[in-house]
Amino acid sequence: MNTAAVLFVVAALGGVTMLAMRLLGHGRPPIWLAIGHGIVAISGLASLGFAYSQATLPTSAMWALVLLALAALGGATLFGGFHLRGRPLPLFLIAGHGILALTGTGLLLAAIFNS
């Protein structure tokens, strides 16, 4: 779980950077930043999924896995449905994606620090 948490925190830093860029008027972040953010987040999801397959996780970590998987679907929608088509990223989708991801990351960190 620790590896997954580190990866999600790094992904969150990239996400906050992209949010700031969007709020400053950029329609889309640079492709390298969006792809890097996605790769790090998917790596975190894979790491957490592996931990789930190998041991019994605390309930909060299992909920984190669910929320982070939903956030990944939102991220894929943002990337494939908007970024690759050259469309500005809708703020309401960015907000939903970020809320799911940050809540999931918070639950994961709570599971780590409470165990």
PDB file of N, CA and C in Angstrom:
ATOM      1  N   MET A   1       0.812  -1.198   0.000  1.00  0.00           N
ATOM      2  CA  MET A   1       0.000   0.000   0.000  1.00  0.00           C
ATOM      3  C   MET A   1       0.856   1.263   0.000  1.00  0.00           C
ATOM      4  N   ASN A   2       2.029   1.177   0.607  1.00  0.00           N
ATOM      5  CA  ASN A   2       2.880   2.365   0.685  1.00  0.00           C
ATOM      6  C   ASN A   2       3.321   2.842  -0.691  1.00  0.00           C
ATOM      7  N   THR A   3       3.704   1.899  -1.544  1.00  0.00           N
ATOM      8  CA  THR A   3       4.126   2.271  -2.900  1.00  0.00           C
ATOM      9  C   THR A   3       2.984   2.947  -3.638  1.00  0.00           C
ATOM     10  N   ALA A   4       1.795   2.386  -3.523  1.00  0.00           N
ATOM     11  CA  ALA A   4       0.628   2.975  -4.176  1.00  0.00           C
ATOM     12  C   ALA A   4       0.390   4.394  -3.667  1.00  0.00           C
ATOM     13  N   ALA A   5       0.516   4.591  -2.364  1.00  0.00           N
ATOM     14  CA  ALA A   5       0.284   5.917  -1.788  1.00  0.00           C
ATOM     15  C   ALA A   5       1.274   6.939  -2.337  1.00  0.00           C
ATOM     16  N   VAL A   6       2.542   6.559  -2.420  1.00  0.00           N
ATOM     17  CA  VAL A   6       3.553   7.475  -2.963  1.00  0.00           C
ATOM     18  C   VAL A   6       3.218   7.821  -4.416  1.00  0.00           C
ATOM     19  N   LEU A   7       2.847   6.817  -5.194  1.00  0.00           N
ATOM     20  CA  LEU A   7       2.509   7.064  -6.596  1.00  0.00           C
ATOM     21  C   LEU A   7       1.296   7.984  -6.721  1.00  0.00           C
ATOM     22  N   PHE A   8       0.288   7.788  -5.883  1.00  0.00           N
ATOM     23  CA  PHE A   8      -0.894   8.650  -5.954  1.00  0.00           C
ATOM     24  C   PHE A   8      -0.597  10.075  -5.512  1.00  0.00           C
ATOM     25  N   VAL A   9       0.288  10.248  -4.544  1.00  0.00           N
ATOM     26  CA  VAL A   9       0.665  11.602  -4.138  1.00  0.00           C
ATOM     27  C   VAL A   9       1.415  12.300  -5.271  1.00  0.00           C
ATOM     28  N   VAL A  10       2.308  11.587  -5.943  1.00  0.00           N
ATOM     29  CA  VAL A  10       3.020  12.163  -7.094  1.00  0.00           C
ATOM     30  C   VAL A  10       2.022  12.504  -8.203  1.00  0.00           C
ATOM     31  N   ALA A  11       1.079  11.597  -8.469  1.00  0.00           N
ATOM     32  CA  ALA A  11       0.057  11.863  -9.486  1.00  0.00           C
ATOM     33  C   ALA A  11      -0.775  13.085  -9.105  1.00  0.00           C
ATOM     34  N   ALA A  12      -1.068  13.234  -7.814  1.00  0.00           N
ATOM     35  CA  ALA A  12      -1.848  14.387  -7.355  1.00  0.00           C
ATOM     36  C   ALA A  12      -1.106  15.694  -7.616  1.00  0.00           C
ATOM     37  N   LEU A  13       0.202  15.685  -7.442  1.00  0.00           N
ATOM     38  CA  LEU A  13       0.990  16.892  -7.729  1.00  0.00           C
ATOM     39  C   LEU A  13       0.867  17.280  -9.198  1.00  0.00           C
ATOM     40  N   GLY A  14       0.931  16.275 -10.069  1.00  0.00           N
ATOM     41  CA  GLY A  14       0.731  16.547 -11.490  1.00  0.00           C
ATOM     42  C   GLY A  14      -0.674  17.035 -11.771  1.00  0.00           C
ATOM     43  N   GLY A  15      -1.656  16.451 -11.089  1.00  0.00           N
ATOM     44  CA  GLY A  15      -3.042  16.867 -11.279  1.00  0.00           C
ATOM     45  C   GLY A  15      -3.283  18.301 -10.842  1.00  0.00           C
ATOM     46  N   VAL A  16      -2.720  18.677  -9.705  1.00  0.00           N
ATOM     47  CA  VAL A  16      -2.870  20.053  -9.224  1.00  0.00           C
ATOM     48  C   VAL A  16      -2.192  21.026 -10.190  1.00  0.00           C
ATOM     49  N   THR A  17      -1.052  20.633 -10.726  1.00  0.00           N
ATOM     50  CA  THR A  17      -0.365  21.468 -11.713  1.00  0.00           C
ATOM     51  C   THR A  17      -1.239  21.670 -12.942  1.00  0.00           C
ATOM     52  N   MET A  18      -1.857  20.590 -13.426  1.00  0.00           N
ATOM     53  CA  MET A  18      -2.720  20.708 -14.605  1.00  0.00           C
ATOM     54  C   MET A  18      -3.973  21.526 -14.302  1.00  0.00           C
ATOM     55  N   LEU A  19      -4.526  21.391 -13.104  1.00  0.00           N
ATOM     56  CA  LEU A  19      -5.680  22.201 -12.718  1.00  0.00           C
ATOM     57  C   LEU A  19      -5.307  23.678 -12.720  1.00  0.00           C
ATOM     58  N   ALA A  20      -4.156  24.005 -12.154  1.00  0.00           N
ATOM     59  CA  ALA A  20      -3.712  25.399 -12.131  1.00  0.00           C
ATOM     60  C   ALA A  20      -3.563  25.938 -13.548  1.00  0.00           C
ATOM     61  N   MET A  21      -3.018  25.137 -14.437  1.00  0.00           N
ATOM     62  CA  MET A  21      -2.861  25.570 -15.829  1.00  0.00           C
ATOM     63  C   MET A  21      -4.225  25.839 -16.460  1.00  0.00           C
ATOM     64  N   ARG A  22      -5.184  24.963 -16.189  1.00  0.00           N
ATOM     65  CA  ARG A  22      -6.531  25.132 -16.753  1.00  0.00           C
ATOM     66  C   ARG A  22      -7.192  26.387 -16.200  1.00  0.00           C
ATOM     67  N   LEU A  23      -7.041  26.625 -14.902  1.00  0.00           N
ATOM     68  CA  LEU A  23      -7.635  27.812 -14.286  1.00  0.00           C
ATOM     69  C   LEU A  23      -6.969  29.099 -14.759  1.00  0.00           C
ATOM     70  N   LEU A  24      -5.725  28.997 -15.200  1.00  0.00           N
ATOM     71  CA  LEU A  24      -5.020  30.164 -15.728  1.00  0.00           C
ATOM     72  C   LEU A  24      -5.309  30.404 -17.209  1.00  0.00           C
ATOM     73  N   GLY A  25      -6.221  29.618 -17.772  1.00  0.00           N
ATOM     74  CA  GLY A  25      -6.661  29.884 -19.133  1.00  0.00           C
ATOM     75  C   GLY A  25      -6.156  28.946 -20.201  1.00  0.00           C
ATOM     76  N   HIS A  26      -5.306  28.004 -19.854  1.00  0.00           N
ATOM     77  CA  HIS A  26      -4.857  27.024 -20.841  1.00  0.00           C
ATOM     78  C   HIS A  26      -5.977  26.007 -21.045  1.00  0.00           C
ATOM     79  N   GLY A  27      -6.336  25.743 -22.281  1.00  0.00           N
ATOM     80  CA  GLY A  27      -7.400  24.790 -22.558  1.00  0.00           C
ATOM     81  C   GLY A  27      -7.028  23.374 -22.181  1.00  0.00           C
ATOM     82  N   ARG A  28      -5.759  23.055 -22.428  1.00  0.00           N
ATOM     83  CA  ARG A  28      -5.267  21.698 -22.154  1.00  0.00           C
ATOM     84  C   ARG A  28      -3.822  21.793 -21.664  1.00  0.00           C
ATOM     85  N   PRO A  29      -3.417  20.860 -20.794  1.00  0.00           N
ATOM     86  CA  PRO A  29      -2.015  20.833 -20.366  1.00  0.00           C
ATOM     87  C   PRO A  29      -1.154  20.228 -21.476  1.00  0.00           C
ATOM     88  N   PRO A  30       0.162  20.348 -21.363  1.00  0.00           N
ATOM     89  CA  PRO A  30       1.029  19.683 -22.342  1.00  0.00           C
ATOM     90  C   PRO A  30       0.780  18.174 -22.324  1.00  0.00           C
ATOM     91  N   ILE A  31       0.862  17.571 -23.487  1.00  0.00           N
ATOM     92  CA  ILE A  31       0.570  16.139 -23.615  1.00  0.00           C
ATOM     93  C   ILE A  31       1.480  15.302 -22.721  1.00  0.00           C
ATOM     94  N   TRP A  32       2.749  15.690 -22.595  1.00  0.00           N
ATOM     95  CA  TRP A  32       3.676  14.912 -21.781  1.00  0.00           C
ATOM     96  C   TRP A  32       3.257  14.918 -20.316  1.00  0.00           C
ATOM     97  N   LEU A  33       2.695  16.036 -19.846  1.00  0.00           N
ATOM     98  CA  LEU A  33       2.264  16.111 -18.455  1.00  0.00           C
ATOM     99  C   LEU A  33       1.018  15.253 -18.228  1.00  0.00           C
ATOM    100  N   ALA A  34       0.084  15.306 -19.159  1.00  0.00           N
ATOM    101  CA  ALA A  34      -1.134  14.496 -19.040  1.00  0.00           C
ATOM    102  C   ALA A  34      -0.810  13.001 -19.085  1.00  0.00           C
ATOM    103  N   ILE A  35       0.058  12.610 -20.002  1.00  0.00           N
ATOM    104  CA  ILE A  35       0.427  11.193 -20.111  1.00  0.00           C
ATOM    105  C   ILE A  35       1.205  10.746 -18.870  1.00  0.00           C
ATOM    106  N   GLY A  36       2.145  11.560 -18.415  1.00  0.00           N
ATOM    107  CA  GLY A  36       2.906  11.215 -17.212  1.00  0.00           C
ATOM    108  C   GLY A  36       2.007  11.063 -15.998  1.00  0.00           C
ATOM    109  N   HIS A  37       1.065  11.981 -15.848  1.00  0.00           N
ATOM    110  CA  HIS A  37       0.099  11.915 -14.747  1.00  0.00           C
ATOM    111  C   HIS A  37      -0.686  10.608 -14.808  1.00  0.00           C
ATOM    112  N   GLY A  38      -1.136  10.260 -15.988  1.00  0.00           N
ATOM    113  CA  GLY A  38      -1.905   9.024 -16.159  1.00  0.00           C
ATOM    114  C   GLY A  38      -1.085   7.778 -15.882  1.00  0.00           C
ATOM    115  N   ILE A  39       0.139   7.753 -16.358  1.00  0.00           N
ATOM    116  CA  ILE A  39       0.995   6.580 -16.142  1.00  0.00           C
ATOM    117  C   ILE A  39       1.282   6.383 -14.656  1.00  0.00           C
ATOM    118  N   VAL A  40       1.593   7.464 -13.965  1.00  0.00           N
ATOM    119  CA  VAL A  40       1.879   7.353 -12.529  1.00  0.00           C
ATOM    120  C   VAL A  40       0.626   6.903 -11.774  1.00  0.00           C
ATOM    121  N   ALA A  41      -0.527   7.470 -12.120  1.00  0.00           N
ATOM    122  CA  ALA A  41      -1.773   7.098 -11.434  1.00  0.00           C
ATOM    123  C   ALA A  41      -2.156   5.645 -11.711  1.00  0.00           C
ATOM    124  N   ILE A  42      -2.036   5.207 -12.950  1.00  0.00           N
ATOM    125  CA  ILE A  42      -2.358   3.813 -13.287  1.00  0.00           C
ATOM    126  C   ILE A  42      -1.376   2.865 -12.590  1.00  0.00           C
ATOM    127  N   SER A  43      -0.125   3.278 -12.465  1.00  0.00           N
ATOM    128  CA  SER A  43       0.846   2.463 -11.724  1.00  0.00           C
ATOM    129  C   SER A  43       0.439   2.341 -10.260  1.00  0.00           C
ATOM    130  N   GLY A  44      -0.044   3.430  -9.682  1.00  0.00           N
ATOM    131  CA  GLY A  44      -0.539   3.383  -8.309  1.00  0.00           C
ATOM    132  C   GLY A  44      -1.745   2.473  -8.176  1.00  0.00           C
ATOM    133  N   LEU A  45      -2.644   2.539  -9.150  1.00  0.00           N
ATOM    134  CA  LEU A  45      -3.830   1.683  -9.131  1.00  0.00           C
ATOM    135  C   LEU A  45      -3.434   0.215  -9.248  1.00  0.00           C
ATOM    136  N   ALA A  46      -2.479  -0.077 -10.119  1.00  0.00           N
ATOM    137  CA  ALA A  46      -2.004  -1.457 -10.261  1.00  0.00           C
ATOM    138  C   ALA A  46      -1.337  -1.934  -8.973  1.00  0.00           C
ATOM    139  N   SER A  47      -0.555  -1.069  -8.352  1.00  0.00           N
ATOM    140  CA  SER A  47       0.112  -1.430  -7.097  1.00  0.00           C
ATOM    141  C   SER A  47      -0.905  -1.702  -5.991  1.00  0.00           C
ATOM    142  N   LEU A  48      -1.933  -0.867  -5.909  1.00  0.00           N
ATOM    143  CA  LEU A  48      -2.961  -1.076  -4.890  1.00  0.00           C
ATOM    144  C   LEU A  48      -3.781  -2.327  -5.197  1.00  0.00           C
ATOM    145  N   GLY A  49      -4.073  -2.554  -6.465  1.00  0.00           N
ATOM    146  CA  GLY A  49      -4.776  -3.779  -6.851  1.00  0.00           C
ATOM    147  C   GLY A  49      -3.971  -5.017  -6.518  1.00  0.00           C
ATOM    148  N   PHE A  50      -2.667  -4.963  -6.723  1.00  0.00           N
ATOM    149  CA  PHE A  50      -1.801  -6.088  -6.369  1.00  0.00           C
ATOM    150  C   PHE A  50      -1.815  -6.320  -4.860  1.00  0.00           C
ATOM    151  N   ALA A  51      -1.728  -5.243  -4.093  1.00  0.00           N
ATOM    152  CA  ALA A  51      -1.774  -5.378  -2.633  1.00  0.00           C
ATOM    153  C   ALA A  51      -3.091  -6.014  -2.203  1.00  0.00           C
ATOM    154  N   TYR A  52      -4.171  -5.630  -2.856  1.00  0.00           N
ATOM    155  CA  TYR A  52      -5.488  -6.201  -2.543  1.00  0.00           C
ATOM    156  C   TYR A  52      -5.525  -7.694  -2.842  1.00  0.00           C
ATOM    157  N   SER A  53      -4.856  -8.103  -3.923  1.00  0.00           N
ATOM    158  CA  SER A  53      -4.870  -9.518  -4.306  1.00  0.00           C
ATOM    159  C   SER A  53      -4.000 -10.384  -3.397  1.00  0.00           C
ATOM    160  N   GLN A  54      -3.069  -9.764  -2.684  1.00  0.00           N
ATOM    161  CA  GLN A  54      -2.119 -10.513  -1.869  1.00  0.00           C
ATOM    162  C   GLN A  54      -2.455 -10.564  -0.385  1.00  0.00           C
ATOM    163  N   ALA A  55      -3.297  -9.661   0.085  1.00  0.00           N
ATOM    164  CA  ALA A  55      -3.566  -9.588   1.525  1.00  0.00           C
ATOM    165  C   ALA A  55      -4.927  -8.949   1.755  1.00  0.00           C
ATOM    166  N   THR A  56      -5.414  -9.117   2.947  1.00  0.00           N
ATOM    167  CA  THR A  56      -6.648  -8.446   3.332  1.00  0.00           C
ATOM    168  C   THR A  56      -6.316  -6.996   3.655  1.00  0.00           C
ATOM    169  N   LEU A  57      -6.970  -6.095   2.964  1.00  0.00           N
ATOM    170  CA  LEU A  57      -6.728  -4.674   3.189  1.00  0.00           C
ATOM    171  C   LEU A  57      -7.780  -4.113   4.143  1.00  0.00           C
ATOM    172  N   PRO A  58      -7.429  -3.043   4.842  1.00  0.00           N
ATOM    173  CA  PRO A  58      -8.441  -2.359   5.648  1.00  0.00           C
ATOM    174  C   PRO A  58      -9.591  -1.879   4.755  1.00  0.00           C
ATOM    175  N   THR A  59     -10.754  -1.737   5.346  1.00  0.00           N
ATOM    176  CA  THR A  59     -11.929  -1.314   4.587  1.00  0.00           C
ATOM    177  C   THR A  59     -11.689   0.008   3.869  1.00  0.00           C
ATOM    178  N   SER A  60     -11.025   0.942   4.523  1.00  0.00           N
ATOM    179  CA  SER A  60     -10.782   2.239   3.880  1.00  0.00           C
ATOM    180  C   SER A  60      -9.888   2.096   2.653  1.00  0.00           C
ATOM    181  N   ALA A  61      -8.961   1.157   2.661  1.00  0.00           N
ATOM    182  CA  ALA A  61      -8.105   0.933   1.493  1.00  0.00           C
ATOM    183  C   ALA A  61      -8.904   0.315   0.349  1.00  0.00           C
ATOM    184  N   MET A  62      -9.870  -0.539   0.684  1.00  0.00           N
ATOM    185  CA  MET A  62     -10.711  -1.120  -0.368  1.00  0.00           C
ATOM    186  C   MET A  62     -11.600  -0.048  -0.999  1.00  0.00           C
ATOM    187  N   TRP A  63     -12.138   0.854  -0.175  1.00  0.00           N
ATOM    188  CA  TRP A  63     -12.913   1.968  -0.724  1.00  0.00           C
ATOM    189  C   TRP A  63     -12.013   2.883  -1.552  1.00  0.00           C
ATOM    190  N   ALA A  64     -10.783   3.063  -1.113  1.00  0.00           N
ATOM    191  CA  ALA A  64      -9.833   3.866  -1.890  1.00  0.00           C
ATOM    192  C   ALA A  64      -9.642   3.265  -3.273  1.00  0.00           C
ATOM    193  N   LEU A  65      -9.509   1.952  -3.341  1.00  0.00           N
ATOM    194  CA  LEU A  65      -9.342   1.271  -4.629  1.00  0.00           C
ATOM    195  C   LEU A  65     -10.536   1.542  -5.541  1.00  0.00           C
ATOM    196  N   VAL A  66     -11.740   1.468  -4.993  1.00  0.00           N
ATOM    197  CA  VAL A  66     -12.947   1.723  -5.788  1.00  0.00           C
ATOM    198  C   VAL A  66     -12.966   3.165  -6.294  1.00  0.00           C
ATOM    199  N   LEU A  67     -12.733   4.119  -5.400  1.00  0.00           N
ATOM    200  CA  LEU A  67     -12.774   5.529  -5.795  1.00  0.00           C
ATOM    201  C   LEU A  67     -11.676   5.870  -6.793  1.00  0.00           C
ATOM    202  N   LEU A  68     -10.498   5.309  -6.594  1.00  0.00           N
ATOM    203  CA  LEU A  68      -9.393   5.594  -7.510  1.00  0.00           C
ATOM    204  C   LEU A  68      -9.622   4.960  -8.876  1.00  0.00           C
ATOM    205  N   ALA A  69     -10.289   3.812  -8.916  1.00  0.00           N
ATOM    206  CA  ALA A  69     -10.646   3.211 -10.205  1.00  0.00           C
ATOM    207  C   ALA A  69     -11.661   4.092 -10.932  1.00  0.00           C
ATOM    208  N   LEU A  70     -12.625   4.633 -10.203  1.00  0.00           N
ATOM    209  CA  LEU A  70     -13.590   5.557 -10.813  1.00  0.00           C
ATOM    210  C   LEU A  70     -12.893   6.829 -11.300  1.00  0.00           C
ATOM    211  N   ALA A  71     -11.945   7.319 -10.513  1.00  0.00           N
ATOM    212  CA  ALA A  71     -11.177   8.494 -10.929  1.00  0.00           C
ATOM    213  C   ALA A  71     -10.392   8.200 -12.206  1.00  0.00           C
ATOM    214  N   ALA A  72      -9.867   6.982 -12.321  1.00  0.00           N
ATOM    215  CA  ALA A  72      -9.131   6.601 -13.537  1.00  0.00           C
ATOM    216  C   ALA A  72     -10.051   6.624 -14.755  1.00  0.00           C
ATOM    217  N   LEU A  73     -11.283   6.173 -14.584  1.00  0.00           N
ATOM    218  CA  LEU A  73     -12.242   6.244 -15.692  1.00  0.00           C
ATOM    219  C   LEU A  73     -12.507   7.697 -16.084  1.00  0.00           C
ATOM    220  N   GLY A  74     -12.625   8.554 -15.087  1.00  0.00           N
ATOM    221  CA  GLY A  74     -12.801   9.979 -15.374  1.00  0.00           C
ATOM    222  C   GLY A  74     -11.594  10.568 -16.080  1.00  0.00           C
ATOM    223  N   GLY A  75     -10.410  10.175 -15.649  1.00  0.00           N
ATOM    224  CA  GLY A  75      -9.190  10.654 -16.302  1.00  0.00           C
ATOM    225  C   GLY A  75      -9.092  10.182 -17.739  1.00  0.00           C
ATOM    226  N   ALA A  76      -9.481   8.934 -17.980  1.00  0.00           N
ATOM    227  CA  ALA A  76      -9.469   8.410 -19.350  1.00  0.00           C
ATOM    228  C   ALA A  76     -10.463   9.165 -20.221  1.00  0.00           C
ATOM    229  N   THR A  77     -11.605   9.525 -19.647  1.00  0.00           N
ATOM    230  CA  THR A  77     -12.601  10.313 -20.381  1.00  0.00           C
ATOM    231  C   THR A  77     -12.055  11.694 -20.713  1.00  0.00           C
ATOM    232  N   LEU A  78     -11.430  12.334 -19.745  1.00  0.00           N
ATOM    233  CA  LEU A  78     -10.836  13.648 -19.996  1.00  0.00           C
ATOM    234  C   LEU A  78      -9.777  13.575 -21.088  1.00  0.00           C
ATOM    235  N   PHE A  79      -8.926  12.558 -21.004  1.00  0.00           N
ATOM    236  CA  PHE A  79      -7.828  12.449 -21.962  1.00  0.00           C
ATOM    237  C   PHE A  79      -8.331  12.085 -23.359  1.00  0.00           C
ATOM    238  N   GLY A  80      -9.105  11.002 -23.436  1.00  0.00           N
ATOM    239  CA  GLY A  80      -9.550  10.533 -24.746  1.00  0.00           C
ATOM    240  C   GLY A  80     -10.663  11.361 -25.355  1.00  0.00           C
ATOM    241  N   GLY A  81     -11.569  11.836 -24.518  1.00  0.00           N
ATOM    242  CA  GLY A  81     -12.723  12.552 -25.036  1.00  0.00           C
ATOM    243  C   GLY A  81     -12.479  14.020 -25.302  1.00  0.00           C
ATOM    244  N   PHE A  82     -11.483  14.586 -24.657  1.00  0.00           N
ATOM    245  CA  PHE A  82     -11.253  16.020 -24.803  1.00  0.00           C
ATOM    246  C   PHE A  82      -9.820  16.344 -25.219  1.00  0.00           C
ATOM    247  N   HIS A  83      -8.846  15.883 -24.445  1.00  0.00           N
ATOM    248  CA  HIS A  83      -7.453  16.266 -24.700  1.00  0.00           C
ATOM    249  C   HIS A  83      -7.009  15.848 -26.098  1.00  0.00           C
ATOM    250  N   LEU A  84      -7.205  14.588 -26.440  1.00  0.00           N
ATOM    251  CA  LEU A  84      -6.744  14.103 -27.742  1.00  0.00           C
ATOM    252  C   LEU A  84      -7.522  14.699 -28.904  1.00  0.00           C
ATOM    253  N   ARG A  85      -8.710  15.206 -28.641  1.00  0.00           N
ATOM    254  CA  ARG A  85      -9.528  15.820 -29.693  1.00  0.00           C
ATOM    255  C   ARG A  85      -9.308  17.325 -29.789  1.00  0.00           C
ATOM    256  N   GLY A  86      -8.386  17.832 -28.973  1.00  0.00           N
ATOM    257  CA  GLY A  86      -8.064  19.250 -29.030  1.00  0.00           C
ATOM    258  C   GLY A  86      -9.100  20.152 -28.389  1.00  0.00           C
ATOM    259  N   ARG A  87      -9.956  19.598 -27.552  1.00  0.00           N
ATOM    260  CA  ARG A  87     -11.001  20.381 -26.890  1.00  0.00           C
ATOM    261  C   ARG A  87     -10.541  20.808 -25.498  1.00  0.00           C
ATOM    262  N   PRO A  88     -10.989  21.973 -25.050  1.00  0.00           N
ATOM    263  CA  PRO A  88     -10.676  22.373 -23.673  1.00  0.00           C
ATOM    264  C   PRO A  88     -11.289  21.386 -22.680  1.00  0.00           C
ATOM    265  N   LEU A  89     -10.584  21.130 -21.608  1.00  0.00           N
ATOM    266  CA  LEU A  89     -11.074  20.190 -20.599  1.00  0.00           C
ATOM    267  C   LEU A  89     -12.149  20.871 -19.750  1.00  0.00           C
ATOM    268  N   PRO A  90     -13.343  20.270 -19.647  1.00  0.00           N
ATOM    269  CA  PRO A  90     -14.417  20.888 -18.857  1.00  0.00           C
ATOM    270  C   PRO A  90     -14.083  20.893 -17.362  1.00  0.00           C
ATOM    271  N   LEU A  91     -14.265  22.036 -16.748  1.00  0.00           N
ATOM    272  CA  LEU A  91     -13.918  22.166 -15.337  1.00  0.00           C
ATOM    273  C   LEU A  91     -14.743  21.243 -14.443  1.00  0.00           C
ATOM    274  N   PHE A  92     -16.006  20.991 -14.792  1.00  0.00           N
ATOM    275  CA  PHE A  92     -16.812  20.122 -13.928  1.00  0.00           C
ATOM    276  C   PHE A  92     -16.291  18.690 -13.958  1.00  0.00           C
ATOM    277  N   LEU A  93     -15.775  18.229 -15.106  1.00  0.00           N
ATOM    278  CA  LEU A  93     -15.184  16.887 -15.166  1.00  0.00           C
ATOM    279  C   LEU A  93     -13.850  16.840 -14.430  1.00  0.00           C
ATOM    280  N   ILE A  94     -13.074  17.897 -14.571  1.00  0.00           N
ATOM    281  CA  ILE A  94     -11.812  17.973 -13.834  1.00  0.00           C
ATOM    282  C   ILE A  94     -12.091  17.917 -12.334  1.00  0.00           C
ATOM    283  N   ALA A  95     -13.101  18.667 -11.886  1.00  0.00           N
ATOM    284  CA  ALA A  95     -13.441  18.694 -10.460  1.00  0.00           C
ATOM    285  C   ALA A  95     -13.888  17.316  -9.975  1.00  0.00           C
ATOM    286  N   GLY A  96     -14.752  16.656 -10.727  1.00  0.00           N
ATOM    287  CA  GLY A  96     -15.211  15.322 -10.329  1.00  0.00           C
ATOM    288  C   GLY A  96     -14.073  14.326 -10.258  1.00  0.00           C
ATOM    289  N   HIS A  97     -13.214  14.359 -11.274  1.00  0.00           N
ATOM    290  CA  HIS A  97     -12.041  13.484 -11.318  1.00  0.00           C
ATOM    291  C   HIS A  97     -11.140  13.741 -10.106  1.00  0.00           C
ATOM    292  N   GLY A  98     -10.875  15.004  -9.843  1.00  0.00           N
ATOM    293  CA  GLY A  98      -9.992  15.355  -8.734  1.00  0.00           C
ATOM    294  C   GLY A  98     -10.569  15.009  -7.376  1.00  0.00           C
ATOM    295  N   ILE A  99     -11.865  15.237  -7.201  1.00  0.00           N
ATOM    296  CA  ILE A  99     -12.500  14.920  -5.914  1.00  0.00           C
ATOM    297  C   ILE A  99     -12.440  13.422  -5.641  1.00  0.00           C
ATOM    298  N   LEU A 100     -12.748  12.616  -6.659  1.00  0.00           N
ATOM    299  CA  LEU A 100     -12.655  11.160  -6.490  1.00  0.00           C
ATOM    300  C   LEU A 100     -11.225  10.739  -6.155  1.00  0.00           C
ATOM    301  N   ALA A 101     -10.266  11.284  -6.910  1.00  0.00           N
ATOM    302  CA  ALA A 101      -8.868  10.889  -6.718  1.00  0.00           C
ATOM    303  C   ALA A 101      -8.336  11.325  -5.354  1.00  0.00           C
ATOM    304  N   LEU A 102      -8.629  12.552  -4.960  1.00  0.00           N
ATOM    305  CA  LEU A 102      -8.126  13.030  -3.667  1.00  0.00           C
ATOM    306  C   LEU A 102      -8.800  12.316  -2.501  1.00  0.00           C
ATOM    307  N   THR A 103     -10.093  12.024  -2.634  1.00  0.00           N
ATOM    308  CA  THR A 103     -10.775  11.273  -1.580  1.00  0.00           C
ATOM    309  C   THR A 103     -10.196   9.865  -1.471  1.00  0.00           C
ATOM    310  N   GLY A 104      -9.981   9.224  -2.616  1.00  0.00           N
ATOM    311  CA  GLY A 104      -9.382   7.892  -2.612  1.00  0.00           C
ATOM    312  C   GLY A 104      -7.986   7.893  -2.025  1.00  0.00           C
ATOM    313  N   THR A 105      -7.190   8.885  -2.388  1.00  0.00           N
ATOM    314  CA  THR A 105      -5.837   8.983  -1.845  1.00  0.00           C
ATOM    315  C   THR A 105      -5.877   9.235  -0.343  1.00  0.00           C
ATOM    316  N   GLY A 106      -6.790  10.083   0.093  1.00  0.00           N
ATOM    317  CA  GLY A 106      -6.941  10.334   1.526  1.00  0.00           C
ATOM    318  C   GLY A 106      -7.326   9.081   2.298  1.00  0.00           C
ATOM    319  N   LEU A 107      -8.248   8.296   1.739  1.00  0.00           N
ATOM    320  CA  LEU A 107      -8.634   7.036   2.388  1.00  0.00           C
ATOM    321  C   LEU A 107      -7.461   6.064   2.450  1.00  0.00           C
ATOM    322  N   LEU A 108      -6.680   6.026   1.380  1.00  0.00           N
ATOM    323  CA  LEU A 108      -5.514   5.144   1.366  1.00  0.00           C
ATOM    324  C   LEU A 108      -4.499   5.573   2.424  1.00  0.00           C
ATOM    325  N   LEU A 109      -4.236   6.863   2.507  1.00  0.00           N
ATOM    326  CA  LEU A 109      -3.303   7.355   3.524  1.00  0.00           C
ATOM    327  C   LEU A 109      -3.831   7.089   4.932  1.00  0.00           C
ATOM    328  N   ALA A 110      -5.133   7.243   5.122  1.00  0.00           N
ATOM    329  CA  ALA A 110      -5.728   6.942   6.431  1.00  0.00           C
ATOM    330  C   ALA A 110      -5.544   5.469   6.782  1.00  0.00           C
ATOM    331  N   ALA A 111      -5.717   4.599   5.793  1.00  0.00           N
ATOM    332  CA  ALA A 111      -5.530   3.160   6.036  1.00  0.00           C
ATOM    333  C   ALA A 111      -4.093   2.858   6.437  1.00  0.00           C
ATOM    334  N   ILE A 112      -3.153   3.532   5.805  1.00  0.00           N
ATOM    335  CA  ILE A 112      -1.737   3.296   6.112  1.00  0.00           C
ATOM    336  C   ILE A 112      -1.395   3.806   7.508  1.00  0.00           C
ATOM    337  N   PHE A 113      -1.823   5.014   7.828  1.00  0.00           N
ATOM    338  CA  PHE A 113      -1.437   5.617   9.102  1.00  0.00           C
ATOM    339  C   PHE A 113      -2.228   5.075  10.286  1.00  0.00           C
ATOM    340  N   ASN A 114      -3.353   4.427  10.021  1.00  0.00           N
ATOM    341  CA  ASN A 114      -4.149   3.846  11.110  1.00  0.00           C
ATOM    342  C   ASN A 114      -3.875   2.367  11.320  1.00  0.00           C
ATOM    343  N   SER A 115      -2.955   1.800  10.536  1.00  0.00           N
ATOM    344  CA  SER A 115      -2.686   0.363  10.705  1.00  0.00           C
ATOM    345  C   SER A 115      -1.402   0.126  11.477  1.00  0.00           C
TER     346      SER A 115
END
